C-alpha atoms as a PDB file:
ATOM      1  CA  MET A   1     -39.558  39.178 -39.905  1.00  0.00           C
ATOM      2  CA  ALA A   2     -35.571  37.802 -39.894  1.00  0.00           C
ATOM      3  CA  PRO A   3     -35.854  34.047 -38.078  1.00  0.00           C
ATOM      4  CA  TYR A   4     -34.424  33.760 -34.021  1.00  0.00           C
ATOM      5  CA  CYS A   5     -31.594  31.712 -33.881  1.00  0.00           C
ATOM      6  CA  GLY A   6     -31.081  31.058 -29.614  1.00  0.00           C
ATOM      7  CA  LEU A   7     -27.748  30.035 -28.201  1.00  0.00           C
ATOM      8  CA  GLY A   8     -27.937  27.164 -26.483  1.00  0.00           C
ATOM      9  CA  ILE A   9     -25.393  26.459 -23.940  1.00  0.00           C
ATOM     10  CA  ILE A  10     -24.902  22.746 -22.411  1.00  0.00           C
ATOM     11  CA  LEU A  11     -23.323  22.571 -18.582  1.00  0.00           C
ATOM     12  CA  PHE A  12     -21.827  19.462 -17.350  1.00  0.00           C
ATOM     13  CA  ILE A  13     -21.767  19.244 -13.968  1.00  0.00           C
ATOM     14  CA  GLY A  14     -18.787  15.952 -12.861  1.00  0.00           C
ATOM     15  CA  ILE A  15     -19.819  15.198  -9.279  1.00  0.00           C
ATOM     16  CA  SER A  16     -17.082  12.471  -8.044  1.00  0.00           C
ATOM     17  CA  PHE A  17     -18.623  11.006  -4.720  1.00  0.00           C
ATOM     18  CA  VAL A  18     -17.662   7.817  -2.402  1.00  0.00           C
ATOM     19  CA  SER A  19     -19.568   4.384  -2.256  1.00  0.00           C
ATOM     20  CA  CYS A  20     -19.855   2.335   0.102  1.00  0.00           C
ATOM     21  CA  ASP A  21     -18.479  -0.467  -1.799  1.00  0.00           C
ATOM     22  CA  ASP A  22     -14.989   1.289  -2.627  1.00  0.00           C
ATOM     23  CA  PRO A  23     -12.327  -0.658  -1.251  1.00  0.00           C
ATOM     24  CA  ARG A  24     -10.703   0.256   2.192  1.00  0.00           C
ATOM     25  CA  ILE A  25      -7.388  -0.704   3.353  1.00  0.00           C
ATOM     26  CA  GLU A  26      -5.109  -0.702   6.963  1.00  0.00           C
ATOM     27  CA  ILE A  27      -2.326  -2.359   8.308  1.00  0.00           C
ATOM     28  CA  THR A  28      -3.980  -3.422  11.208  1.00  0.00           C
ATOM     29  CA  ALA A  29      -0.599  -5.132  12.760  1.00  0.00           C
ATOM     30  CA  THR A  30       3.098  -5.420  12.776  1.00  0.00           C
ATOM     31  CA  ASP A  31       5.194  -7.603  14.216  1.00  0.00           C
ATOM     32  CA  PRO A  32       7.346  -5.627  16.259  1.00  0.00           C
ATOM     33  CA  PRO A  33       4.325  -2.924  16.778  1.00  0.00           C
ATOM     34  CA  VAL A  34       4.820   0.267  16.012  1.00  0.00           C
ATOM     35  CA  HIS A  35       7.024   2.559  18.622  1.00  0.00           C
ATOM     36  CA  PRO A  36       4.527   4.873  20.151  1.00  0.00           C
ATOM     37  CA  ILE A  37       6.404   7.089  20.212  1.00  0.00           C
ATOM     38  CA  TYR A  38       8.536   7.673  17.084  1.00  0.00           C
ATOM     39  CA  ASN A  39       5.680   6.377  15.094  1.00  0.00           C
ATOM     40  CA  MET A  40       7.517   2.900  13.193  1.00  0.00           C
ATOM     41  CA  ILE A  41       8.773   0.147  13.565  1.00  0.00           C
ATOM     42  CA  ILE A  42      11.762  -0.532  15.042  1.00  0.00           C
ATOM     43  CA  GLN A  43      13.574  -4.128  14.510  1.00  0.00           C
ATOM     44  CA  GLU A  44      17.041  -5.413  15.347  1.00  0.00           C
ATOM     45  CA  LYS A  45      19.252  -6.373  12.436  1.00  0.00           C
ATOM     46  CA  ASP A  46      18.711  -9.567  11.460  1.00  0.00           C
ATOM     47  CA  LYS A  47      15.072 -10.570  12.938  1.00  0.00           C
ATOM     48  CA  ASP A  48      11.753 -10.801  11.110  1.00  0.00           C
ATOM     49  CA  VAL A  49       8.953  -8.001  10.351  1.00  0.00           C
ATOM     50  CA  GLN A  50       5.962  -8.756   9.812  1.00  0.00           C
ATOM     51  CA  LEU A  51       3.264  -6.771   8.483  1.00  0.00           C
ATOM     52  CA  THR A  52      -0.438  -7.217   8.356  1.00  0.00           C
ATOM     53  CA  CYS A  53      -2.787  -6.164   5.671  1.00  0.00           C
ATOM     54  CA  VAL A  54      -6.358  -6.034   5.560  1.00  0.00           C
ATOM     55  CA  VAL A  55      -8.327  -5.083   2.083  1.00  0.00           C
ATOM     56  CA  GLU A  56     -12.149  -4.581   2.179  1.00  0.00           C
ATOM     57  CA  ASN A  57     -14.547  -4.289  -0.715  1.00  0.00           C
ATOM     58  CA  GLN A  58     -10.983  -5.477  -3.474  1.00  0.00           C
ATOM     59  CA  ARG A  59     -12.425  -5.421  -7.028  1.00  0.00           C
ATOM     60  CA  GLU A  60     -11.676  -8.301  -8.753  1.00  0.00           C
ATOM     61  CA  GLY A  61      -8.486  -7.919 -10.918  1.00  0.00           C
ATOM     62  CA  TYR A  62      -7.100  -5.747  -9.215  1.00  0.00           C
ATOM     63  CA  ASP A  63      -4.215  -7.116  -6.680  1.00  0.00           C
ATOM     64  CA  VAL A  64      -2.732  -6.021  -4.033  1.00  0.00           C
ATOM     65  CA  MET A  65       0.637  -5.077  -4.132  1.00  0.00           C
ATOM     66  CA  TRP A  66       3.806  -4.095  -1.461  1.00  0.00           C
ATOM     67  CA  THR A  67       6.125  -1.228  -2.027  1.00  0.00           C
ATOM     68  CA  VAL A  68       9.303  -0.612  -0.362  1.00  0.00           C
ATOM     69  CA  LEU A  69      10.485   3.473  -0.182  1.00  0.00           C
ATOM     70  CA  GLY A  70      14.179   3.494   0.335  1.00  0.00           C
ATOM     71  CA  ASN A  71      15.706   5.369   2.665  1.00  0.00           C
ATOM     72  CA  GLY A  72      18.560   7.711   1.370  1.00  0.00           C
ATOM     73  CA  PRO A  73      19.142  10.857  -0.799  1.00  0.00           C
ATOM     74  CA  ASN A  74      18.875   8.314  -3.702  1.00  0.00           C
ATOM     75  CA  ALA A  75      15.701   6.407  -2.237  1.00  0.00           C
ATOM     76  CA  SER A  76      13.645   4.931  -4.739  1.00  0.00           C
ATOM     77  CA  THR A  77      10.624   2.498  -4.968  1.00  0.00           C
ATOM     78  CA  THR A  78      10.834  -1.024  -5.012  1.00  0.00           C
ATOM     79  CA  GLN A  79       7.560  -3.426  -5.967  1.00  0.00           C
ATOM     80  CA  VAL A  80       8.191  -6.004  -3.042  1.00  0.00           C
ATOM     81  CA  SER A  81       4.962  -7.867  -4.783  1.00  0.00           C
ATOM     82  CA  ARG A  82       2.199  -8.663  -5.974  1.00  0.00           C
ATOM     83  CA  ALA A  83      -0.743 -10.316  -4.771  1.00  0.00           C
ATOM     84  CA  THR A  84       1.102 -13.469  -2.937  1.00  0.00           C
ATOM     85  CA  ARG A  85       4.014 -13.383  -5.645  1.00  0.00           C
ATOM     86  CA  SER A  86       7.240 -12.362  -3.911  1.00  0.00           C
ATOM     87  CA  GLN A  87       9.763 -10.225  -6.124  1.00  0.00           C
ATOM     88  CA  ASP A  88      12.797 -11.331  -3.627  1.00  0.00           C
ATOM     89  CA  ALA A  89      11.481 -15.198  -1.611  1.00  0.00           C
ATOM     90  CA  PHE A  90      14.611 -14.909  -0.027  1.00  0.00           C
ATOM     91  CA  ARG A  91      13.866 -11.310   1.037  1.00  0.00           C
ATOM     92  CA  TRP A  92      10.074 -11.022   1.664  1.00  0.00           C
ATOM     93  CA  ALA A  93       7.703 -13.578   1.817  1.00  0.00           C
ATOM     94  CA  ILE A  94       4.026 -12.961   1.501  1.00  0.00           C
ATOM     95  CA  ASP A  95       0.889 -15.088   2.562  1.00  0.00           C
ATOM     96  CA  GLN A  96      -2.813 -14.568   2.007  1.00  0.00           C
ATOM     97  CA  PRO A  97      -4.476 -16.698   5.646  1.00  0.00           C
ATOM     98  CA  SER A  98      -7.860 -15.431   4.433  1.00  0.00           C
ATOM     99  CA  THR A  99      -9.810 -13.664   1.381  1.00  0.00           C
ATOM    100  CA  THR A 100      -8.892  -9.928   3.111  1.00  0.00           C
ATOM    101  CA  ILE A 101      -5.421  -9.916   4.822  1.00  0.00           C
ATOM    102  CA  TRP A 102      -1.843  -9.806   2.955  1.00  0.00           C
ATOM    103  CA  ARG A 103       0.948 -10.478   5.229  1.00  0.00           C
ATOM    104  CA  LEU A 104       3.773  -9.372   4.144  1.00  0.00           C
ATOM    105  CA  ARG A 105       7.581 -10.711   6.354  1.00  0.00           C
ATOM    106  CA  VAL A 106      10.680  -8.805   5.492  1.00  0.00           C
ATOM    107  CA  GLN A 107      12.888 -11.877   6.779  1.00  0.00           C
ATOM    108  CA  ASN A 108      16.080 -11.210   8.758  1.00  0.00           C
ATOM    109  CA  VAL A 109      15.979  -7.815   8.160  1.00  0.00           C
ATOM    110  CA  GLN A 110      19.342  -5.334   7.469  1.00  0.00           C
ATOM    111  CA  VAL A 111      19.728  -1.506   7.562  1.00  0.00           C
ATOM    112  CA  ALA A 112      19.533  -1.831   3.530  1.00  0.00           C
ATOM    113  CA  ASP A 113      15.292  -2.897   4.404  1.00  0.00           C
ATOM    114  CA  GLU A 114      14.819   0.531   6.379  1.00  0.00           C
ATOM    115  CA  GLY A 115      12.017   2.809   4.251  1.00  0.00           C
ATOM    116  CA  LYS A 116       8.404   2.750   4.200  1.00  0.00           C
ATOM    117  CA  TYR A 117       6.532  -0.327   3.824  1.00  0.00           C
ATOM    118  CA  THR A 118       3.375   0.583   1.402  1.00  0.00           C
ATOM    119  CA  CYS A 119       0.164  -1.785   1.269  1.00  0.00           C
ATOM    120  CA  LYS A 120      -1.766  -0.742  -1.948  1.00  0.00           C
ATOM    121  CA  VAL A 121      -4.603  -1.746  -4.367  1.00  0.00           C
ATOM    122  CA  GLN A 122      -5.909  -0.458  -7.628  1.00  0.00           C
ATOM    123  CA  THR A 123      -8.767   1.109  -7.251  1.00  0.00           C
ATOM    124  CA  THR A 124      -9.079   2.207 -11.341  1.00  0.00           C
ATOM    125  CA  PRO A 125      -6.412   2.253 -14.276  1.00  0.00           C
ATOM    126  CA  MET A 126      -4.917   5.381 -12.738  1.00  0.00           C
ATOM    127  CA  ASN A 127      -5.323   5.540  -9.023  1.00  0.00           C
ATOM    128  CA  TYR A 128      -4.403   3.568  -5.780  1.00  0.00           C
ATOM    129  CA  ILE A 129      -5.141   3.021  -2.162  1.00  0.00           C
ATOM    130  CA  GLU A 130      -2.541   2.514   0.061  1.00  0.00           C
ATOM    131  CA  ASP A 131      -1.670   2.275   4.025  1.00  0.00           C
ATOM    132  CA  THR A 132       2.182   2.819   4.791  1.00  0.00           C
ATOM    133  CA  ARG A 133       4.105   2.145   7.591  1.00  0.00           C
ATOM    134  CA  GLU A 134       8.112   3.140   8.435  1.00  0.00           C
ATOM    135  CA  LEU A 135      10.786   0.440   9.828  1.00  0.00           C
ATOM    136  CA  ARG A 136      13.883   1.496  10.941  1.00  0.00           C
ATOM    137  CA  VAL A 137      16.711  -1.280  11.848  1.00  0.00           C
ATOM    138  CA  VAL A 138      19.037  -1.052  14.772  1.00  0.00           C
ATOM    139  CA  ARG A 139      22.199  -2.750  15.623  1.00  0.00           C
ATOM    140  CA  LYS A 140      22.050  -5.033  18.321  1.00  0.00           C
END
């Protein structure tokens, strides 16, 4: 009698879930407030804008960052800050009044400052969670 050779199949099932400990992020306040009709921050030229970002369950070793995506056909994303270090202290000020709050102040806004401001934090080496608000600058 010939020996029986069976074919073994191993099935791997990937399961993804959201844990209660996953970081959460939200821009909770802006000054001036988000316009209720246009759903954006509208500020006069030469005045300051402030955005407050709350990050809960931030993982150790992953910094909170602010970026801005400018307006226009050739718009690009610019890193504003990492943690509380601003890339341009004359243009952007960052402070952290508590362990979960990061505030961005765009100083003396100009039309060139218009765009989508994003607060984000890395969750894994290749993934981020983020929240975004759009800024529009108007002349006096």
